[in-house]
Amino acid sequence: GGSWATASVLPAVAEATRDAIEQLKSFAIEDGPFKG
């Protein structure tokens, strides 16, 4: 309501997506072609 859902939800979703990507990176540098 109040036309604030889009402005409020998208930043949190974007930040959570980047947080998941950071965890992926941590998995990748532990082992495999990007190790270290």
All heavy atoms as atom14 arrays in JSON, in Angstrom:
{
  "sequence": "GGSWATASVLPAVAEATRDAIEQLKSFAIEDGPFKG",
  "atom14_mask": [
    [1, 1, 1, 1, 0, 0, 0, 0, 0, 0, 0, 0, 0, 0],
    [1, 1, 1, 1, 0, 0, 0, 0, 0, 0, 0, 0, 0, 0],
    [1, 1, 1, 1, 1, 1, 0, 0, 0, 0, 0, 0, 0, 0],
    [1, 1, 1, 1, 1, 1, 1, 1, 1, 1, 1, 1, 1, 1],
    [1, 1, 1, 1, 1, 0, 0, 0, 0, 0, 0, 0, 0, 0],
    [1, 1, 1, 1, 1, 1, 1, 0, 0, 0, 0, 0, 0, 0],
    [1, 1, 1, 1, 1, 0, 0, 0, 0, 0, 0, 0, 0, 0],
    [1, 1, 1, 1, 1, 1, 0, 0, 0, 0, 0, 0, 0, 0],
    [1, 1, 1, 1, 1, 1, 1, 0, 0, 0, 0, 0, 0, 0],
    [1, 1, 1, 1, 1, 1, 1, 1, 0, 0, 0, 0, 0, 0],
    [1, 1, 1, 1, 1, 1, 1, 0, 0, 0, 0, 0, 0, 0],
    [1, 1, 1, 1, 1, 0, 0, 0, 0, 0, 0, 0, 0, 0],
    [1, 1, 1, 1, 1, 1, 1, 0, 0, 0, 0, 0, 0, 0],
    [1, 1, 1, 1, 1, 0, 0, 0, 0, 0, 0, 0, 0, 0],
    [1, 1, 1, 1, 1, 1, 1, 1, 1, 0, 0, 0, 0, 0],
    [1, 1, 1, 1, 1, 0, 0, 0, 0, 0, 0, 0, 0, 0],
    [1, 1, 1, 1, 1, 1, 1, 0, 0, 0, 0, 0, 0, 0],
    [1, 1, 1, 1, 1, 1, 1, 1, 1, 1, 1, 0, 0, 0],
    [1, 1, 1, 1, 1, 1, 1, 1, 0, 0, 0, 0, 0, 0],
    [1, 1, 1, 1, 1, 0, 0, 0, 0, 0, 0, 0, 0, 0],
    [1, 1, 1, 1, 1, 1, 1, 1, 0, 0, 0, 0, 0, 0],
    [1, 1, 1, 1, 1, 1, 1, 1, 1, 0, 0, 0, 0, 0],
    [1, 1, 1, 1, 1, 1, 1, 1, 1, 0, 0, 0, 0, 0],
    [1, 1, 1, 1, 1, 1, 1, 1, 0, 0, 0, 0, 0, 0],
    [1, 1, 1, 1, 1, 1, 1, 1, 1, 0, 0, 0, 0, 0],
    [1, 1, 1, 1, 1, 1, 0, 0, 0, 0, 0, 0, 0, 0],
    [1, 1, 1, 1, 1, 1, 1, 1, 1, 1, 1, 0, 0, 0],
    [1, 1, 1, 1, 1, 0, 0, 0, 0, 0, 0, 0, 0, 0],
    [1, 1, 1, 1, 1, 1, 1, 1, 0, 0, 0, 0, 0, 0],
    [1, 1, 1, 1, 1, 1, 1, 1, 1, 0, 0, 0, 0, 0],
    [1, 1, 1, 1, 1, 1, 1, 1, 0, 0, 0, 0, 0, 0],
    [1, 1, 1, 1, 0, 0, 0, 0, 0, 0, 0, 0, 0, 0],
    [1, 1, 1, 1, 1, 1, 1, 0, 0, 0, 0, 0, 0, 0],
    [1, 1, 1, 1, 1, 1, 1, 1, 1, 1, 1, 0, 0, 0],
    [1, 1, 1, 1, 1, 1, 1, 1, 1, 0, 0, 0, 0, 0],
    [1, 1, 1, 1, 0, 0, 0, 0, 0, 0, 0, 0, 0, 0]
  ],
  "atom14_positions": [
    [[0.85, -1.18, 0.0], [0.0, 0.0, 0.0], [0.88, 1.23, 0.0], [2.07, 1.16, 0.32], [0.0, 0.0, 0.0], [0.0, 0.0, 0.0], [0.0, 0.0, 0.0], [0.0, 0.0, 0.0], [0.0, 0.0, 0.0], [0.0, 0.0, 0.0], [0.0, 0.0, 0.0], [0.0, 0.0, 0.0], [0.0, 0.0, 0.0], [0.0, 0.0, 0.0]],
    [[0.32, 2.35, -0.38], [1.1, 3.58, -0.39], [2.09, 3.65, -1.53], [2.95, 4.54, -1.54], [0.0, 0.0, 0.0], [0.0, 0.0, 0.0], [0.0, 0.0, 0.0], [0.0, 0.0, 0.0], [0.0, 0.0, 0.0], [0.0, 0.0, 0.0], [0.0, 0.0, 0.0], [0.0, 0.0, 0.0], [0.0, 0.0, 0.0], [0.0, 0.0, 0.0]],
    [[2.02, 2.72, -2.47], [2.96, 2.66, -3.6], [4.4, 2.52, -3.11], [5.32, 3.13, -3.66], [2.83, 3.92, -4.47], [1.58, 3.96, -5.12], [0.0, 0.0, 0.0], [0.0, 0.0, 0.0], [0.0, 0.0, 0.0], [0.0, 0.0, 0.0], [0.0, 0.0, 0.0], [0.0, 0.0, 0.0], [0.0, 0.0, 0.0], [0.0, 0.0, 0.0]],
    [[4.62, 1.69, -2.07], [5.99, 1.54, -1.59], [6.51, 0.11, -1.67], [7.64, -0.16, -1.29], [6.12, 2.07, -0.17], [5.26, 1.46, 0.89], [4.63, 0.24, 0.88], [4.92, 2.06, 2.15], [3.94, 0.04, 2.03], [4.09, 1.13, 2.84], [5.24, 3.26, 2.76], [3.56, 1.39, 4.11], [4.72, 3.5, 4.03], [3.9, 2.59, 4.68]],
    [[5.71, -0.84, -2.16], [6.15, -2.23, -2.2], [7.35, -2.42, -3.13], [8.35, -3.02, -2.75], [5.0, -3.14, -2.63], [0.0, 0.0, 0.0], [0.0, 0.0, 0.0], [0.0, 0.0, 0.0], [0.0, 0.0, 0.0], [0.0, 0.0, 0.0], [0.0, 0.0, 0.0], [0.0, 0.0, 0.0], [0.0, 0.0, 0.0], [0.0, 0.0, 0.0]],
    [[7.26, -1.9, -4.34], [8.36, -2.07, -5.29], [9.65, -1.44, -4.78], [10.71, -2.06, -4.8], [7.98, -1.43, -6.65], [6.86, -2.13, -7.19], [9.14, -1.53, -7.63], [0.0, 0.0, 0.0], [0.0, 0.0, 0.0], [0.0, 0.0, 0.0], [0.0, 0.0, 0.0], [0.0, 0.0, 0.0], [0.0, 0.0, 0.0], [0.0, 0.0, 0.0]],
    [[9.56, -0.2, -4.31], [10.75, 0.51, -3.84], [11.35, -0.16, -2.62], [12.55, -0.01, -2.35], [10.39, 1.96, -3.51], [0.0, 0.0, 0.0], [0.0, 0.0, 0.0], [0.0, 0.0, 0.0], [0.0, 0.0, 0.0], [0.0, 0.0, 0.0], [0.0, 0.0, 0.0], [0.0, 0.0, 0.0], [0.0, 0.0, 0.0], [0.0, 0.0, 0.0]],
    [[10.56, -0.9, -1.85], [11.03, -1.53, -0.63], [11.55, -2.95, -0.86], [12.57, -3.35, -0.3], [9.9, -1.58, 0.41], [9.38, -0.3, 0.68], [0.0, 0.0, 0.0], [0.0, 0.0, 0.0], [0.0, 0.0, 0.0], [0.0, 0.0, 0.0], [0.0, 0.0, 0.0], [0.0, 0.0, 0.0], [0.0, 0.0, 0.0], [0.0, 0.0, 0.0]],
    [[10.84, -3.72, -1.68], [11.16, -5.14, -1.84], [12.38, -5.35, -2.73], [13.26, -6.17, -2.42], [9.95, -5.9, -2.41], [10.33, -7.34, -2.76], [8.81, -5.89, -1.41], [0.0, 0.0, 0.0], [0.0, 0.0, 0.0], [0.0, 0.0, 0.0], [0.0, 0.0, 0.0], [0.0, 0.0, 0.0], [0.0, 0.0, 0.0], [0.0, 0.0, 0.0]],
    [[12.47, -4.63, -3.84], [13.55, -4.91, -4.8], [14.95, -4.74, -4.23], [15.83, -5.56, -4.5], [13.37, -4.04, -6.05], [12.14, -4.33, -6.92], [12.29, -3.68, -8.29], [11.89, -5.82, -7.08], [0.0, 0.0, 0.0], [0.0, 0.0, 0.0], [0.0, 0.0, 0.0], [0.0, 0.0, 0.0], [0.0, 0.0, 0.0], [0.0, 0.0, 0.0]],
    [[15.24, -3.71, -3.42], [16.59, -3.61, -2.86], [16.95, -4.81, -1.98], [18.1, -5.29, -2.02], [16.54, -2.32, -2.04], [15.47, -1.51, -2.68], [14.44, -2.5, -3.12], [0.0, 0.0, 0.0], [0.0, 0.0, 0.0], [0.0, 0.0, 0.0], [0.0, 0.0, 0.0], [0.0, 0.0, 0.0], [0.0, 0.0, 0.0], [0.0, 0.0, 0.0]],
    [[16.0, -5.3, -1.2], [16.27, -6.46, -0.34], [16.5, -7.71, -1.18], [17.41, -8.51, -0.9], [15.11, -6.67, 0.63], [0.0, 0.0, 0.0], [0.0, 0.0, 0.0], [0.0, 0.0, 0.0], [0.0, 0.0, 0.0], [0.0, 0.0, 0.0], [0.0, 0.0, 0.0], [0.0, 0.0, 0.0], [0.0, 0.0, 0.0], [0.0, 0.0, 0.0]],
    [[15.7, -7.9, -2.21], [15.87, -9.06, -3.09], [17.22, -9.0, -3.8], [17.93, -10.01, -3.91], [14.7, -9.13, -4.1], [14.99, -10.16, -5.19], [13.4, -9.46, -3.38], [0.0, 0.0, 0.0], [0.0, 0.0, 0.0], [0.0, 0.0, 0.0], [0.0, 0.0, 0.0], [0.0, 0.0, 0.0], [0.0, 0.0, 0.0], [0.0, 0.0, 0.0]],
    [[17.58, -7.83, -4.29], [18.86, -7.68, -4.98], [20.04, -7.98, -4.05], [20.99, -8.67, -4.42], [18.98, -6.26, -5.55], [0.0, 0.0, 0.0], [0.0, 0.0, 0.0], [0.0, 0.0, 0.0], [0.0, 0.0, 0.0], [0.0, 0.0, 0.0], [0.0, 0.0, 0.0], [0.0, 0.0, 0.0], [0.0, 0.0, 0.0], [0.0, 0.0, 0.0]],
    [[19.96, -7.45, -2.82], [21.05, -7.66, -1.86], [21.14, -9.13, -1.47], [22.24, -9.69, -1.32], [20.82, -6.8, -0.62], [22.04, -6.65, 0.27], [23.2, -5.95, -0.41], [22.96, -5.05, -1.23], [24.35, -6.34, -0.13], [0.0, 0.0, 0.0], [0.0, 0.0, 0.0], [0.0, 0.0, 0.0], [0.0, 0.0, 0.0], [0.0, 0.0, 0.0]],
    [[20.0, -9.79, -1.29], [20.01, -11.21, -0.96], [20.56, -12.05, -2.11], [21.27, -13.04, -1.89], [18.59, -11.67, -0.61], [0.0, 0.0, 0.0], [0.0, 0.0, 0.0], [0.0, 0.0, 0.0], [0.0, 0.0, 0.0], [0.0, 0.0, 0.0], [0.0, 0.0, 0.0], [0.0, 0.0, 0.0], [0.0, 0.0, 0.0], [0.0, 0.0, 0.0]],
    [[20.25, -11.64, -3.34], [20.79, -12.35, -4.51], [22.3, -12.22, -4.56], [23.02, -13.21, -4.79], [20.17, -11.8, -5.8], [18.74, -11.87, -5.72], [20.65, -12.58, -7.01], [0.0, 0.0, 0.0], [0.0, 0.0, 0.0], [0.0, 0.0, 0.0], [0.0, 0.0, 0.0], [0.0, 0.0, 0.0], [0.0, 0.0, 0.0], [0.0, 0.0, 0.0]],
    [[22.81, -11.04, -4.32], [24.26, -10.85, -4.3], [24.92, -11.62, -3.16], [26.03, -12.14, -3.29], [24.59, -9.36, -4.24], [24.33, -8.62, -5.55], [24.91, -7.22, -5.52], [24.08, -6.33, -4.72], [23.14, -5.52, -5.23], [22.93, -5.5, -6.54], [22.43, -4.75, -4.44], [0.0, 0.0, 0.0], [0.0, 0.0, 0.0], [0.0, 0.0, 0.0]],
    [[24.2, -11.73, -2.04], [24.72, -12.5, -0.91], [24.83, -13.97, -1.28], [25.81, -14.65, -0.92], [23.8, -12.31, 0.29], [24.39, -12.86, 1.57], [25.61, -12.68, 1.8], [23.65, -13.49, 2.36], [0.0, 0.0, 0.0], [0.0, 0.0, 0.0], [0.0, 0.0, 0.0], [0.0, 0.0, 0.0], [0.0, 0.0, 0.0], [0.0, 0.0, 0.0]],
    [[23.84, -14.5, -2.0], [23.9, -15.89, -2.46], [25.05, -16.09, -3.44], [25.74, -17.12, -3.41], [22.57, -16.27, -3.1], [0.0, 0.0, 0.0], [0.0, 0.0, 0.0], [0.0, 0.0, 0.0], [0.0, 0.0, 0.0], [0.0, 0.0, 0.0], [0.0, 0.0, 0.0], [0.0, 0.0, 0.0], [0.0, 0.0, 0.0], [0.0, 0.0, 0.0]],
    [[25.28, -15.11, -4.29], [26.39, -15.2, -5.25], [27.74, -15.21, -4.52], [28.67, -15.94, -4.89], [26.31, -14.06, -6.27], [25.1, -14.25, -7.18], [27.59, -13.94, -7.08], [24.81, -13.07, -8.09], [0.0, 0.0, 0.0], [0.0, 0.0, 0.0], [0.0, 0.0, 0.0], [0.0, 0.0, 0.0], [0.0, 0.0, 0.0], [0.0, 0.0, 0.0]],
    [[27.84, -14.41, -3.45], [29.08, -14.43, -2.67], [29.33, -15.79, -2.05], [30.48, -16.24, -1.96], [29.02, -13.34, -1.58], [29.15, -11.93, -2.11], [30.43, -11.71, -2.88], [31.52, -12.06, -2.37], [30.35, -11.21, -4.02], [0.0, 0.0, 0.0], [0.0, 0.0, 0.0], [0.0, 0.0, 0.0], [0.0, 0.0, 0.0], [0.0, 0.0, 0.0]],
    [[28.26, -16.46, -1.62], [28.44, -17.81, -1.09], [28.88, -18.77, -2.19], [29.73, -19.65, -1.97], [27.16, -18.31, -0.42], [27.37, -19.59, 0.39], [26.14, -19.98, 1.17], [25.28, -20.69, 0.64], [26.06, -19.56, 2.43], [0.0, 0.0, 0.0], [0.0, 0.0, 0.0], [0.0, 0.0, 0.0], [0.0, 0.0, 0.0], [0.0, 0.0, 0.0]],
    [[28.33, -18.61, -3.37], [28.79, -19.42, -4.51], [30.28, -19.21, -4.76], [31.03, -20.17, -5.0], [28.0, -19.03, -5.78], [26.66, -19.68, -6.04], [26.03, -19.08, -7.29], [26.79, -21.19, -6.19], [0.0, 0.0, 0.0], [0.0, 0.0, 0.0], [0.0, 0.0, 0.0], [0.0, 0.0, 0.0], [0.0, 0.0, 0.0], [0.0, 0.0, 0.0]],
    [[30.72, -17.99, -4.7], [32.14, -17.71, -4.91], [33.01, -18.4, -3.87], [34.09, -18.93, -4.18], [32.38, -16.2, -4.88], [31.81, -15.44, -6.07], [32.1, -13.94, -5.95], [31.54, -13.16, -7.12], [31.82, -11.71, -7.01], [0.0, 0.0, 0.0], [0.0, 0.0, 0.0], [0.0, 0.0, 0.0], [0.0, 0.0, 0.0], [0.0, 0.0, 0.0]],
    [[32.51, -18.4, -2.61], [33.28, -19.07, -1.56], [33.38, -20.56, -1.83], [34.41, -21.18, -1.55], [32.65, -18.8, -0.2], [31.42, -19.49, -0.04], [0.0, 0.0, 0.0], [0.0, 0.0, 0.0], [0.0, 0.0, 0.0], [0.0, 0.0, 0.0], [0.0, 0.0, 0.0], [0.0, 0.0, 0.0], [0.0, 0.0, 0.0], [0.0, 0.0, 0.0]],
    [[32.31, -21.16, -2.39], [32.37, -22.57, -2.76], [33.38, -22.79, -3.87], [34.15, -23.77, -3.87], [31.0, -23.07, -3.22], [29.92, -23.04, -2.18], [28.57, -22.99, -2.53], [30.23, -23.05, -0.83], [27.57, -22.97, -1.58], [29.24, -23.02, 0.15], [27.91, -22.98, -0.23], [0.0, 0.0, 0.0], [0.0, 0.0, 0.0], [0.0, 0.0, 0.0]],
    [[33.39, -21.87, -4.84], [34.24, -22.04, -6.02], [35.72, -21.95, -5.69], [36.55, -22.63, -6.31], [33.87, -21.0, -7.08], [0.0, 0.0, 0.0], [0.0, 0.0, 0.0], [0.0, 0.0, 0.0], [0.0, 0.0, 0.0], [0.0, 0.0, 0.0], [0.0, 0.0, 0.0], [0.0, 0.0, 0.0], [0.0, 0.0, 0.0], [0.0, 0.0, 0.0]],
    [[36.1, -21.1, -4.75], [37.53, -20.94, -4.46], [38.05, -21.97, -3.46], [39.24, -22.06, -3.22], [37.82, -19.52, -3.93], [37.13, -19.28, -2.58], [37.42, -18.47, -4.95], [37.45, -17.93, -1.97], [0.0, 0.0, 0.0], [0.0, 0.0, 0.0], [0.0, 0.0, 0.0], [0.0, 0.0, 0.0], [0.0, 0.0, 0.0], [0.0, 0.0, 0.0]],
    [[37.12, -22.77, -2.9], [37.55, -23.85, -2.01], [38.07, -25.04, -2.78], [38.94, -25.77, -2.31], [36.39, -24.28, -1.12], [35.98, -23.27, -0.07], [34.73, -23.7, 0.68], [34.21, -24.8, 0.39], [34.26, -22.94, 1.54], [0.0, 0.0, 0.0], [0.0, 0.0, 0.0], [0.0, 0.0, 0.0], [0.0, 0.0, 0.0], [0.0, 0.0, 0.0]],
    [[37.53, -25.24, -3.97], [37.91, -26.4, -4.77], [37.55, -26.13, -6.22], [36.81, -25.21, -6.53], [37.19, -27.65, -4.25], [37.86, -28.94, -4.71], [38.92, -28.86, -5.35], [37.33, -30.02, -4.41], [0.0, 0.0, 0.0], [0.0, 0.0, 0.0], [0.0, 0.0, 0.0], [0.0, 0.0, 0.0], [0.0, 0.0, 0.0], [0.0, 0.0, 0.0]],
    [[38.08, -26.94, -7.13], [37.74, -26.81, -8.52], [38.65, -25.85, -9.27], [39.73, -25.46, -8.78], [0.0, 0.0, 0.0], [0.0, 0.0, 0.0], [0.0, 0.0, 0.0], [0.0, 0.0, 0.0], [0.0, 0.0, 0.0], [0.0, 0.0, 0.0], [0.0, 0.0, 0.0], [0.0, 0.0, 0.0], [0.0, 0.0, 0.0], [0.0, 0.0, 0.0]],
    [[38.25, -25.43, -10.47], [39.12, -24.62, -11.33], [39.46, -23.26, -10.74], [40.44, -22.65, -11.16], [38.3, -24.48, -12.61], [36.87, -24.7, -12.2], [36.93, -25.71, -11.11], [0.0, 0.0, 0.0], [0.0, 0.0, 0.0], [0.0, 0.0, 0.0], [0.0, 0.0, 0.0], [0.0, 0.0, 0.0], [0.0, 0.0, 0.0], [0.0, 0.0, 0.0]],
    [[38.69, -22.76, -9.81], [38.95, -21.44, -9.23], [39.54, -21.54, -7.82], [39.53, -20.58, -7.07], [37.66, -20.61, -9.18], [37.03, -20.37, -10.53], [35.66, -20.29, -10.67], [37.82, -20.24, -11.67], [35.07, -20.07, -11.91], [37.25, -20.03, -12.92], [35.88, -19.94, -13.04], [0.0, 0.0, 0.0], [0.0, 0.0, 0.0], [0.0, 0.0, 0.0]],
    [[40.04, -22.71, -7.48], [40.57, -22.92, -6.14], [41.67, -21.91, -5.83], [42.61, -21.73, -6.6], [41.11, -24.34, -5.99], [41.6, -24.67, -4.59], [42.04, -26.11, -4.48], [42.5, -26.44, -3.06], [42.91, -27.86, -2.92], [0.0, 0.0, 0.0], [0.0, 0.0, 0.0], [0.0, 0.0, 0.0], [0.0, 0.0, 0.0], [0.0, 0.0, 0.0]],
    [[41.52, -21.25, -4.68], [42.53, -20.29, -4.24], [42.44, -18.92, -4.86], [43.23, -18.04, -4.51], [0.0, 0.0, 0.0], [0.0, 0.0, 0.0], [0.0, 0.0, 0.0], [0.0, 0.0, 0.0], [0.0, 0.0, 0.0], [0.0, 0.0, 0.0], [0.0, 0.0, 0.0], [0.0, 0.0, 0.0], [0.0, 0.0, 0.0], [0.0, 0.0, 0.0]]
  ]
}
